[in-house]
Structures are given as C-alpha cells and as structure tokens.
Amino acid sequence: LLDERDKNKNDKTALIRLEQISPFPMKQVAEVLKSY
C-alpha cells in the first residue's frame, strides 16, 4: 500500500500499522483517530 500511495502522491490517505492485534491496543488506536 505504501508503494502505491507513493506512486500516486496521495496525501489524504494515512497508513497505520496494527502491529499487535491482540490484546487489541484500544487506547493507541483511539489516539491515532483523534489526530485526524
């Protein structure tokens, strides 16, 4: 996805990596969403 975004110079689509799926990092995900 990163290669495709770089190719199209898309600056409106953020790519966030969920490195730990479980336990689900609810607090960290919420902080990311709040930043947009």
PDB file of all heavy atoms in Angstrom:
ATOM      1  N   LEU A   1       0.827  -1.208   0.000  1.00  0.00           N
ATOM      2  CA  LEU A   1       0.000   0.000   0.000  1.00  0.00           C
ATOM      3  C   LEU A   1       0.858   1.253   0.000  1.00  0.00           C
ATOM      4  O   LEU A   1       0.525   2.250  -0.651  1.00  0.00           O
ATOM      5  CB  LEU A   1      -0.930  -0.005   1.215  1.00  0.00           C
ATOM      6  CG  LEU A   1      -1.987  -1.109   1.269  1.00  0.00           C
ATOM      7  CD1 LEU A   1      -2.771  -1.028   2.574  1.00  0.00           C
ATOM      8  CD2 LEU A   1      -2.926  -1.028   0.085  1.00  0.00           C
ATOM      9  N   LEU A   2       1.968   1.206   0.716  1.00  0.00           N
ATOM     10  CA  LEU A   2       2.875   2.352   0.767  1.00  0.00           C
ATOM     11  C   LEU A   2       3.455   2.654  -0.614  1.00  0.00           C
ATOM     12  O   LEU A   2       3.533   3.824  -1.023  1.00  0.00           O
ATOM     13  CB  LEU A   2       3.994   2.077   1.769  1.00  0.00           C
ATOM     14  CG  LEU A   2       4.990   3.202   2.030  1.00  0.00           C
ATOM     15  CD1 LEU A   2       4.280   4.434   2.597  1.00  0.00           C
ATOM     16  CD2 LEU A   2       6.091   2.737   2.987  1.00  0.00           C
ATOM     17  N   ASP A   3       3.857   1.612  -1.340  1.00  0.00           N
ATOM     18  CA  ASP A   3       4.388   1.808  -2.696  1.00  0.00           C
ATOM     19  C   ASP A   3       3.345   2.449  -3.602  1.00  0.00           C
ATOM     20  O   ASP A   3       3.659   3.343  -4.397  1.00  0.00           O
ATOM     21  CB  ASP A   3       4.833   0.469  -3.286  1.00  0.00           C
ATOM     22  CG  ASP A   3       6.109  -0.056  -2.646  1.00  0.00           C
ATOM     23  OD1 ASP A   3       6.826   0.744  -2.025  1.00  0.00           O
ATOM     24  OD2 ASP A   3       6.374  -1.265  -2.752  1.00  0.00           O
ATOM     25  N   GLU A   4       2.092   1.991  -3.488  1.00  0.00           N
ATOM     26  CA  GLU A   4       1.020   2.538  -4.318  1.00  0.00           C
ATOM     27  C   GLU A   4       0.736   3.988  -3.957  1.00  0.00           C
ATOM     28  O   GLU A   4       0.523   4.828  -4.843  1.00  0.00           O
ATOM     29  CB  GLU A   4      -0.248   1.693  -4.138  1.00  0.00           C
ATOM     30  CG  GLU A   4      -1.429   2.142  -4.979  1.00  0.00           C
ATOM     31  CD  GLU A   4      -1.235   1.929  -6.470  1.00  0.00           C
ATOM     32  OE1 GLU A   4      -0.345   1.139  -6.856  1.00  0.00           O
ATOM     33  OE2 GLU A   4      -1.986   2.547  -7.258  1.00  0.00           O
ATOM     34  N   ARG A   5       0.734   4.307  -2.678  1.00  0.00           N
ATOM     35  CA  ARG A   5       0.480   5.696  -2.267  1.00  0.00           C
ATOM     36  C   ARG A   5       1.592   6.620  -2.737  1.00  0.00           C
ATOM     37  O   ARG A   5       1.331   7.739  -3.199  1.00  0.00           O
ATOM     38  CB  ARG A   5       0.342   5.779  -0.744  1.00  0.00           C
ATOM     39  CG  ARG A   5      -0.131   7.142  -0.270  1.00  0.00           C
ATOM     40  CD  ARG A   5      -0.210   7.231   1.230  1.00  0.00           C
ATOM     41  NE  ARG A   5       1.107   7.277   1.846  1.00  0.00           N
ATOM     42  CZ  ARG A   5       1.319   7.412   3.154  1.00  0.00           C
ATOM     43  NH1 ARG A   5       0.267   7.477   3.973  1.00  0.00           N
ATOM     44  NH2 ARG A   5       2.535   7.459   3.658  1.00  0.00           N
ATOM     45  N   ASP A   6       2.839   6.166  -2.624  1.00  0.00           N
ATOM     46  CA  ASP A   6       3.962   6.972  -3.081  1.00  0.00           C
ATOM     47  C   ASP A   6       3.883   7.218  -4.589  1.00  0.00           C
ATOM     48  O   ASP A   6       4.189   8.315  -5.070  1.00  0.00           O
ATOM     49  CB  ASP A   6       5.290   6.282  -2.739  1.00  0.00           C
ATOM     50  CG  ASP A   6       5.568   6.287  -1.242  1.00  0.00           C
ATOM     51  OD1 ASP A   6       4.846   6.999  -0.512  1.00  0.00           O
ATOM     52  OD2 ASP A   6       6.498   5.590  -0.808  1.00  0.00           O
ATOM     53  N   LYS A   7       3.465   6.194  -5.323  1.00  0.00           N
ATOM     54  CA  LYS A   7       3.379   6.307  -6.781  1.00  0.00           C
ATOM     55  C   LYS A   7       2.346   7.352  -7.191  1.00  0.00           C
ATOM     56  O   LYS A   7       2.547   8.105  -8.148  1.00  0.00           O
ATOM     57  CB  LYS A   7       3.022   4.937  -7.384  1.00  0.00           C
ATOM     58  CG  LYS A   7       3.002   4.912  -8.893  1.00  0.00           C
ATOM     59  CD  LYS A   7       2.854   3.491  -9.423  1.00  0.00           C
ATOM     60  CE  LYS A   7       1.469   2.951  -9.135  1.00  0.00           C
ATOM     61  NZ  LYS A   7       1.263   1.610  -9.744  1.00  0.00           N
ATOM     62  N   ASN A   8       1.241   7.402  -6.454  1.00  0.00           N
ATOM     63  CA  ASN A   8       0.152   8.328  -6.794  1.00  0.00           C
ATOM     64  C   ASN A   8       0.214   9.647  -6.036  1.00  0.00           C
ATOM     65  O   ASN A   8      -0.665  10.505  -6.211  1.00  0.00           O
ATOM     66  CB  ASN A   8      -1.195   7.654  -6.524  1.00  0.00           C
ATOM     67  CG  ASN A   8      -1.421   6.459  -7.421  1.00  0.00           C
ATOM     68  OD1 ASN A   8      -1.049   6.480  -8.590  1.00  0.00           O
ATOM     69  ND2 ASN A   8      -2.019   5.405  -6.883  1.00  0.00           N
ATOM     70  N   LYS A   9       1.235   9.800  -5.164  1.00  0.00           N
ATOM     71  CA  LYS A   9       1.399  11.031  -4.368  1.00  0.00           C
ATOM     72  C   LYS A   9       0.111  11.395  -3.619  1.00  0.00           C
ATOM     73  O   LYS A   9      -0.330  12.541  -3.613  1.00  0.00           O
ATOM     74  CB  LYS A   9       1.858  12.190  -5.256  1.00  0.00           C
ATOM     75  CG  LYS A   9       3.222  11.984  -5.887  1.00  0.00           C
ATOM     76  CD  LYS A   9       3.639  13.178  -6.718  1.00  0.00           C
ATOM     77  CE  LYS A   9       5.095  13.090  -7.159  1.00  0.00           C
ATOM     78  NZ  LYS A   9       5.380  11.905  -7.983  1.00  0.00           N
ATOM     79  N   ASN A  10      -0.480  10.398  -2.996  1.00  0.00           N
ATOM     80  CA  ASN A  10      -1.720  10.583  -2.243  1.00  0.00           C
ATOM     81  C   ASN A  10      -1.390  11.111  -0.850  1.00  0.00           C
ATOM     82  O   ASN A  10      -0.706  10.440  -0.068  1.00  0.00           O
ATOM     83  CB  ASN A  10      -2.454   9.246  -2.156  1.00  0.00           C
ATOM     84  CG  ASN A  10      -3.814   9.357  -1.511  1.00  0.00           C
ATOM     85  OD1 ASN A  10      -4.006  10.076  -0.536  1.00  0.00           O
ATOM     86  ND2 ASN A  10      -4.788   8.636  -2.055  1.00  0.00           N
ATOM     87  N   ASP A  11      -1.870  12.321  -0.525  1.00  0.00           N
ATOM     88  CA  ASP A  11      -1.568  12.921   0.778  1.00  0.00           C
ATOM     89  C   ASP A  11      -2.787  12.999   1.690  1.00  0.00           C
ATOM     90  O   ASP A  11      -2.768  13.681   2.709  1.00  0.00           O
ATOM     91  CB  ASP A  11      -0.952  14.310   0.603  1.00  0.00           C
ATOM     92  CG  ASP A  11      -1.911  15.308  -0.047  1.00  0.00           C
ATOM     93  OD1 ASP A  11      -2.988  14.891  -0.523  1.00  0.00           O
ATOM     94  OD2 ASP A  11      -1.575  16.510  -0.084  1.00  0.00           O
ATOM     95  N   LYS A  12      -3.863  12.268   1.311  1.00  0.00           N
ATOM     96  CA  LYS A  12      -5.081  12.296   2.119  1.00  0.00           C
ATOM     97  C   LYS A  12      -5.412  10.934   2.738  1.00  0.00           C
ATOM     98  O   LYS A  12      -6.412  10.803   3.437  1.00  0.00           O
ATOM     99  CB  LYS A  12      -6.267  12.769   1.267  1.00  0.00           C
ATOM    100  CG  LYS A  12      -6.141  14.221   0.810  1.00  0.00           C
ATOM    101  CD  LYS A  12      -7.371  14.659   0.034  1.00  0.00           C
ATOM    102  CE  LYS A  12      -7.244  16.123  -0.384  1.00  0.00           C
ATOM    103  NZ  LYS A  12      -8.438  16.588  -1.135  1.00  0.00           N
ATOM    104  N   THR A  13      -4.558   9.942   2.462  1.00  0.00           N
ATOM    105  CA  THR A  13      -4.810   8.593   2.964  1.00  0.00           C
ATOM    106  C   THR A  13      -3.660   8.146   3.855  1.00  0.00           C
ATOM    107  O   THR A  13      -2.543   7.933   3.384  1.00  0.00           O
ATOM    108  CB  THR A  13      -4.982   7.595   1.806  1.00  0.00           C
ATOM    109  OG1 THR A  13      -6.061   8.032   0.965  1.00  0.00           O
ATOM    110  CG2 THR A  13      -5.285   6.205   2.341  1.00  0.00           C
ATOM    111  N   ALA A  14      -3.930   8.022   5.140  1.00  0.00           N
ATOM    112  CA  ALA A  14      -2.912   7.601   6.101  1.00  0.00           C
ATOM    113  C   ALA A  14      -2.880   6.081   6.213  1.00  0.00           C
ATOM    114  O   ALA A  14      -3.918   5.421   6.150  1.00  0.00           O
ATOM    115  CB  ALA A  14      -3.188   8.216   7.470  1.00  0.00           C
ATOM    116  N   LEU A  15      -1.675   5.529   6.362  1.00  0.00           N
ATOM    117  CA  LEU A  15      -1.482   4.089   6.537  1.00  0.00           C
ATOM    118  C   LEU A  15      -0.985   3.833   7.955  1.00  0.00           C
ATOM    119  O   LEU A  15       0.115   4.266   8.319  1.00  0.00           O
ATOM    120  CB  LEU A  15      -0.473   3.555   5.519  1.00  0.00           C
ATOM    121  CG  LEU A  15      -0.835   3.747   4.040  1.00  0.00           C
ATOM    122  CD1 LEU A  15       0.303   3.270   3.152  1.00  0.00           C
ATOM    123  CD2 LEU A  15      -2.116   2.996   3.699  1.00  0.00           C
ATOM    124  N   ILE A  16      -1.796   3.157   8.746  1.00  0.00           N
ATOM    125  CA  ILE A  16      -1.457   2.902  10.148  1.00  0.00           C
ATOM    126  C   ILE A  16      -1.277   1.398  10.335  1.00  0.00           C
ATOM    127  O   ILE A  16      -2.141   0.606   9.952  1.00  0.00           O
ATOM    128  CB  ILE A  16      -2.550   3.416  11.104  1.00  0.00           C
ATOM    129  CG1 ILE A  16      -2.772   4.916  10.895  1.00  0.00           C
ATOM    130  CG2 ILE A  16      -2.177   3.133  12.550  1.00  0.00           C
ATOM    131  CD1 ILE A  16      -4.008   5.254  10.120  1.00  0.00           C
ATOM    132  N   ARG A  17      -0.148   1.021  10.921  1.00  0.00           N
ATOM    133  CA  ARG A  17       0.158  -0.391  11.122  1.00  0.00           C
ATOM    134  C   ARG A  17      -0.309  -0.866  12.489  1.00  0.00           C
ATOM    135  O   ARG A  17       0.109  -0.328  13.512  1.00  0.00           O
ATOM    136  CB  ARG A  17       1.669  -0.613  10.993  1.00  0.00           C
ATOM    137  CG  ARG A  17       2.167  -0.621   9.569  1.00  0.00           C
ATOM    138  CD  ARG A  17       3.677  -0.635   9.507  1.00  0.00           C
ATOM    139  NE  ARG A  17       4.238   0.702   9.616  1.00  0.00           N
ATOM    140  CZ  ARG A  17       5.538   0.962   9.600  1.00  0.00           C
ATOM    141  NH1 ARG A  17       6.406  -0.037   9.518  1.00  0.00           N
ATOM    142  NH2 ARG A  17       5.971   2.203   9.679  1.00  0.00           N
ATOM    143  N   LEU A  18      -1.173  -1.865  12.479  1.00  0.00           N
ATOM    144  CA  LEU A  18      -1.587  -2.523  13.721  1.00  0.00           C
ATOM    145  C   LEU A  18      -0.618  -3.678  13.947  1.00  0.00           C
ATOM    146  O   LEU A  18      -0.811  -4.771  13.433  1.00  0.00           O
ATOM    147  CB  LEU A  18      -3.028  -3.023  13.615  1.00  0.00           C
ATOM    148  CG  LEU A  18      -3.657  -3.546  14.906  1.00  0.00           C
ATOM    149  CD1 LEU A  18      -3.822  -2.418  15.925  1.00  0.00           C
ATOM    150  CD2 LEU A  18      -4.991  -4.208  14.628  1.00  0.00           C
ATOM    151  N   GLU A  19       0.437  -3.415  14.686  1.00  0.00           N
ATOM    152  CA  GLU A  19       1.493  -4.406  14.893  1.00  0.00           C
ATOM    153  C   GLU A  19       1.066  -5.478  15.892  1.00  0.00           C
ATOM    154  O   GLU A  19       1.388  -6.645  15.734  1.00  0.00           O
ATOM    155  CB  GLU A  19       2.762  -3.713  15.389  1.00  0.00           C
ATOM    156  CG  GLU A  19       3.338  -2.691  14.418  1.00  0.00           C
ATOM    157  CD  GLU A  19       4.156  -3.328  13.310  1.00  0.00           C
ATOM    158  OE1 GLU A  19       5.253  -3.849  13.585  1.00  0.00           O
ATOM    159  OE2 GLU A  19       3.684  -3.315  12.153  1.00  0.00           O
ATOM    160  N   GLN A  20       0.343  -5.059  16.926  1.00  0.00           N
ATOM    161  CA  GLN A  20      -0.195  -6.019  17.896  1.00  0.00           C
ATOM    162  C   GLN A  20      -1.699  -6.093  17.701  1.00  0.00           C
ATOM    163  O   GLN A  20      -2.408  -5.114  17.921  1.00  0.00           O
ATOM    164  CB  GLN A  20       0.132  -5.595  19.330  1.00  0.00           C
ATOM    165  CG  GLN A  20      -0.434  -6.538  20.387  1.00  0.00           C
ATOM    166  CD  GLN A  20      -0.009  -6.166  21.788  1.00  0.00           C
ATOM    167  OE1 GLN A  20       1.168  -6.275  22.138  1.00  0.00           O
ATOM    168  NE2 GLN A  20      -0.952  -5.722  22.605  1.00  0.00           N
ATOM    169  N   ILE A  21      -2.178  -7.246  17.291  1.00  0.00           N
ATOM    170  CA  ILE A  21      -3.602  -7.407  17.024  1.00  0.00           C
ATOM    171  C   ILE A  21      -4.348  -7.755  18.305  1.00  0.00           C
ATOM    172  O   ILE A  21      -5.443  -7.261  18.562  1.00  0.00           O
ATOM    173  CB  ILE A  21      -3.820  -8.479  15.941  1.00  0.00           C
ATOM    174  CG1 ILE A  21      -2.972  -8.172  14.707  1.00  0.00           C
ATOM    175  CG2 ILE A  21      -5.297  -8.568  15.563  1.00  0.00           C
ATOM    176  CD1 ILE A  21      -2.896  -9.293  13.702  1.00  0.00           C
ATOM    177  N   SER A  22      -3.746  -8.629  19.107  1.00  0.00           N
ATOM    178  CA  SER A  22      -4.339  -8.983  20.396  1.00  0.00           C
ATOM    179  C   SER A  22      -3.248  -9.103  21.455  1.00  0.00           C
ATOM    180  O   SER A  22      -2.182  -9.673  21.164  1.00  0.00           O
ATOM    181  CB  SER A  22      -5.096 -10.306  20.294  1.00  0.00           C
ATOM    182  OG  SER A  22      -5.738 -10.616  21.511  1.00  0.00           O
ATOM    183  N   PRO A  23      -3.465  -8.543  22.647  1.00  0.00           N
ATOM    184  CA  PRO A  23      -4.610  -7.732  23.051  1.00  0.00           C
ATOM    185  C   PRO A  23      -4.732  -6.467  22.190  1.00  0.00           C
ATOM    186  O   PRO A  23      -3.703  -5.822  21.905  1.00  0.00           O
ATOM    187  CB  PRO A  23      -4.312  -7.373  24.510  1.00  0.00           C
ATOM    188  CG  PRO A  23      -3.363  -8.428  24.978  1.00  0.00           C
ATOM    189  CD  PRO A  23      -2.531  -8.760  23.785  1.00  0.00           C
ATOM    190  N   PHE A  24      -5.943  -6.142  21.782  1.00  0.00           N
ATOM    191  CA  PHE A  24      -6.168  -5.009  20.886  1.00  0.00           C
ATOM    192  C   PHE A  24      -5.810  -3.706  21.594  1.00  0.00           C
ATOM    193  O   PHE A  24      -6.330  -3.426  22.679  1.00  0.00           O
ATOM    194  CB  PHE A  24      -7.624  -4.980  20.439  1.00  0.00           C
ATOM    195  CG  PHE A  24      -7.907  -3.964  19.371  1.00  0.00           C
ATOM    196  CD1 PHE A  24      -7.627  -4.245  18.050  1.00  0.00           C
ATOM    197  CD2 PHE A  24      -8.446  -2.726  19.693  1.00  0.00           C
ATOM    198  CE1 PHE A  24      -7.891  -3.320  17.049  1.00  0.00           C
ATOM    199  CE2 PHE A  24      -8.709  -1.793  18.717  1.00  0.00           C
ATOM    200  CZ  PHE A  24      -8.434  -2.084  17.376  1.00  0.00           C
ATOM    201  N   PRO A  25      -4.925  -2.890  20.998  1.00  0.00           N
ATOM    202  CA  PRO A  25      -4.480  -1.640  21.645  1.00  0.00           C
ATOM    203  C   PRO A  25      -5.490  -0.511  21.481  1.00  0.00           C
ATOM    204  O   PRO A  25      -5.273   0.440  20.730  1.00  0.00           O
ATOM    205  CB  PRO A  25      -3.162  -1.343  20.922  1.00  0.00           C
ATOM    206  CG  PRO A  25      -3.348  -1.938  19.560  1.00  0.00           C
ATOM    207  CD  PRO A  25      -4.206  -3.152  19.734  1.00  0.00           C
ATOM    208  N   MET A  26      -6.605  -0.618  22.166  1.00  0.00           N
ATOM    209  CA  MET A  26      -7.724   0.311  22.017  1.00  0.00           C
ATOM    210  C   MET A  26      -7.316   1.769  22.238  1.00  0.00           C
ATOM    211  O   MET A  26      -7.679   2.670  21.465  1.00  0.00           O
ATOM    212  CB  MET A  26      -8.830  -0.072  22.997  1.00  0.00           C
ATOM    213  CG  MET A  26     -10.163   0.617  22.758  1.00  0.00           C
ATOM    214  SD  MET A  26     -11.053  -0.057  21.336  1.00  0.00           S
ATOM    215  CE  MET A  26     -11.617  -1.625  22.000  1.00  0.00           C
ATOM    216  N   LYS A  27      -6.543   2.020  23.287  1.00  0.00           N
ATOM    217  CA  LYS A  27      -6.147   3.388  23.620  1.00  0.00           C
ATOM    218  C   LYS A  27      -5.290   3.999  22.513  1.00  0.00           C
ATOM    219  O   LYS A  27      -5.512   5.147  22.102  1.00  0.00           O
ATOM    220  CB  LYS A  27      -5.376   3.394  24.949  1.00  0.00           C
ATOM    221  CG  LYS A  27      -4.907   4.756  25.378  1.00  0.00           C
ATOM    222  CD  LYS A  27      -4.121   4.688  26.689  1.00  0.00           C
ATOM    223  CE  LYS A  27      -3.584   6.052  27.081  1.00  0.00           C
ATOM    224  NZ  LYS A  27      -2.784   5.974  28.347  1.00  0.00           N
ATOM    225  N   GLN A  28      -4.315   3.248  22.012  1.00  0.00           N
ATOM    226  CA  GLN A  28      -3.423   3.766  20.974  1.00  0.00           C
ATOM    227  C   GLN A  28      -4.168   4.023  19.671  1.00  0.00           C
ATOM    228  O   GLN A  28      -3.917   5.016  18.985  1.00  0.00           O
ATOM    229  CB  GLN A  28      -2.260   2.800  20.734  1.00  0.00           C
ATOM    230  CG  GLN A  28      -1.308   2.654  21.908  1.00  0.00           C
ATOM    231  CD  GLN A  28      -1.689   1.516  22.827  1.00  0.00           C
ATOM    232  OE1 GLN A  28      -2.862   1.268  23.090  1.00  0.00           O
ATOM    233  NE2 GLN A  28      -0.697   0.796  23.336  1.00  0.00           N
ATOM    234  N   VAL A  29      -5.091   3.136  19.325  1.00  0.00           N
ATOM    235  CA  VAL A  29      -5.878   3.325  18.102  1.00  0.00           C
ATOM    236  C   VAL A  29      -6.759   4.569  18.221  1.00  0.00           C
ATOM    237  O   VAL A  29      -6.871   5.366  17.284  1.00  0.00           O
ATOM    238  CB  VAL A  29      -6.738   2.075  17.811  1.00  0.00           C
ATOM    239  CG1 VAL A  29      -7.711   2.349  16.665  1.00  0.00           C
ATOM    240  CG2 VAL A  29      -5.848   0.891  17.466  1.00  0.00           C
ATOM    241  N   ALA A  30      -7.368   4.770  19.386  1.00  0.00           N
ATOM    242  CA  ALA A  30      -8.210   5.951  19.606  1.00  0.00           C
ATOM    243  C   ALA A  30      -7.400   7.232  19.480  1.00  0.00           C
ATOM    244  O   ALA A  30      -7.868   8.221  18.890  1.00  0.00           O
ATOM    245  CB  ALA A  30      -8.866   5.871  20.976  1.00  0.00           C
ATOM    246  N   GLU A  31      -6.180   7.233  19.996  1.00  0.00           N
ATOM    247  CA  GLU A  31      -5.325   8.418  19.894  1.00  0.00           C
ATOM    248  C   GLU A  31      -4.980   8.738  18.446  1.00  0.00           C
ATOM    249  O   GLU A  31      -4.919   9.907  18.056  1.00  0.00           O
ATOM    250  CB  GLU A  31      -4.047   8.200  20.707  1.00  0.00           C
ATOM    251  CG  GLU A  31      -4.283   8.233  22.216  1.00  0.00           C
ATOM    252  CD  GLU A  31      -3.039   7.857  23.013  1.00  0.00           C
ATOM    253  OE1 GLU A  31      -2.031   7.478  22.371  1.00  0.00           O
ATOM    254  OE2 GLU A  31      -3.090   7.928  24.251  1.00  0.00           O
ATOM    255  N   VAL A  32      -4.754   7.698  17.649  1.00  0.00           N
ATOM    256  CA  VAL A  32      -4.473   7.907  16.234  1.00  0.00           C
ATOM    257  C   VAL A  32      -5.679   8.539  15.538  1.00  0.00           C
ATOM    258  O   VAL A  32      -5.545   9.515  14.784  1.00  0.00           O
ATOM    259  CB  VAL A  32      -4.094   6.574  15.543  1.00  0.00           C
ATOM    260  CG1 VAL A  32      -4.046   6.747  14.027  1.00  0.00           C
ATOM    261  CG2 VAL A  32      -2.753   6.090  16.048  1.00  0.00           C
ATOM    262  N   LEU A  33      -6.852   8.013  15.788  1.00  0.00           N
ATOM    263  CA  LEU A  33      -8.061   8.537  15.149  1.00  0.00           C
ATOM    264  C   LEU A  33      -8.314   9.993  15.550  1.00  0.00           C
ATOM    265  O   LEU A  33      -8.738  10.810  14.726  1.00  0.00           O
ATOM    266  CB  LEU A  33      -9.270   7.667  15.514  1.00  0.00           C
ATOM    267  CG  LEU A  33      -9.262   6.240  14.966  1.00  0.00           C
ATOM    268  CD1 LEU A  33     -10.486   5.473  15.460  1.00  0.00           C
ATOM    269  CD2 LEU A  33      -9.207   6.226  13.448  1.00  0.00           C
ATOM    270  N   LYS A  34      -8.046  10.314  16.799  1.00  0.00           N
ATOM    271  CA  LYS A  34      -8.259  11.684  17.280  1.00  0.00           C
ATOM    272  C   LYS A  34      -7.328  12.695  16.606  1.00  0.00           C
ATOM    273  O   LYS A  34      -7.626  13.885  16.549  1.00  0.00           O
ATOM    274  CB  LYS A  34      -8.059  11.746  18.797  1.00  0.00           C
ATOM    275  CG  LYS A  34      -9.165  11.101  19.601  1.00  0.00           C
ATOM    276  CD  LYS A  34      -8.837  11.116  21.095  1.00  0.00           C
ATOM    277  CE  LYS A  34      -9.896  10.402  21.909  1.00  0.00           C
ATOM    278  NZ  LYS A  34      -9.529  10.329  23.353  1.00  0.00           N
ATOM    279  N   SER A  35      -6.216  12.205  16.092  1.00  0.00           N
ATOM    280  CA  SER A  35      -5.222  13.112  15.490  1.00  0.00           C
ATOM    281  C   SER A  35      -5.600  13.557  14.081  1.00  0.00           C
ATOM    282  O   SER A  35      -4.926  14.406  13.500  1.00  0.00           O
ATOM    283  CB  SER A  35      -3.846  12.445  15.459  1.00  0.00           C
ATOM    284  OG  SER A  35      -3.825  11.359  14.550  1.00  0.00           O
ATOM    285  N   TYR A  36      -6.689  12.998  13.529  1.00  0.00           N
ATOM    286  CA  TYR A  36      -7.115  13.349  12.171  1.00  0.00           C
ATOM    287  C   TYR A  36      -8.448  14.100  12.227  1.00  0.00           C
ATOM    288  O   TYR A  36      -9.519  13.486  12.205  1.00  0.00           O
ATOM    289  CB  TYR A  36      -7.257  12.090  11.307  1.00  0.00           C
ATOM    290  CG  TYR A  36      -5.987  11.291  11.179  1.00  0.00           C
ATOM    291  CD1 TYR A  36      -5.966   9.917  11.457  1.00  0.00           C
ATOM    292  CD2 TYR A  36      -4.794  11.885  10.782  1.00  0.00           C
ATOM    293  CE1 TYR A  36      -4.801   9.185  11.331  1.00  0.00           C
ATOM    294  CE2 TYR A  36      -3.620  11.157  10.667  1.00  0.00           C
ATOM    295  CZ  TYR A  36      -3.634   9.804  10.941  1.00  0.00           C
ATOM    296  OH  TYR A  36      -2.473   9.086  10.824  1.00  0.00           O
TER     297      TYR A  36
END
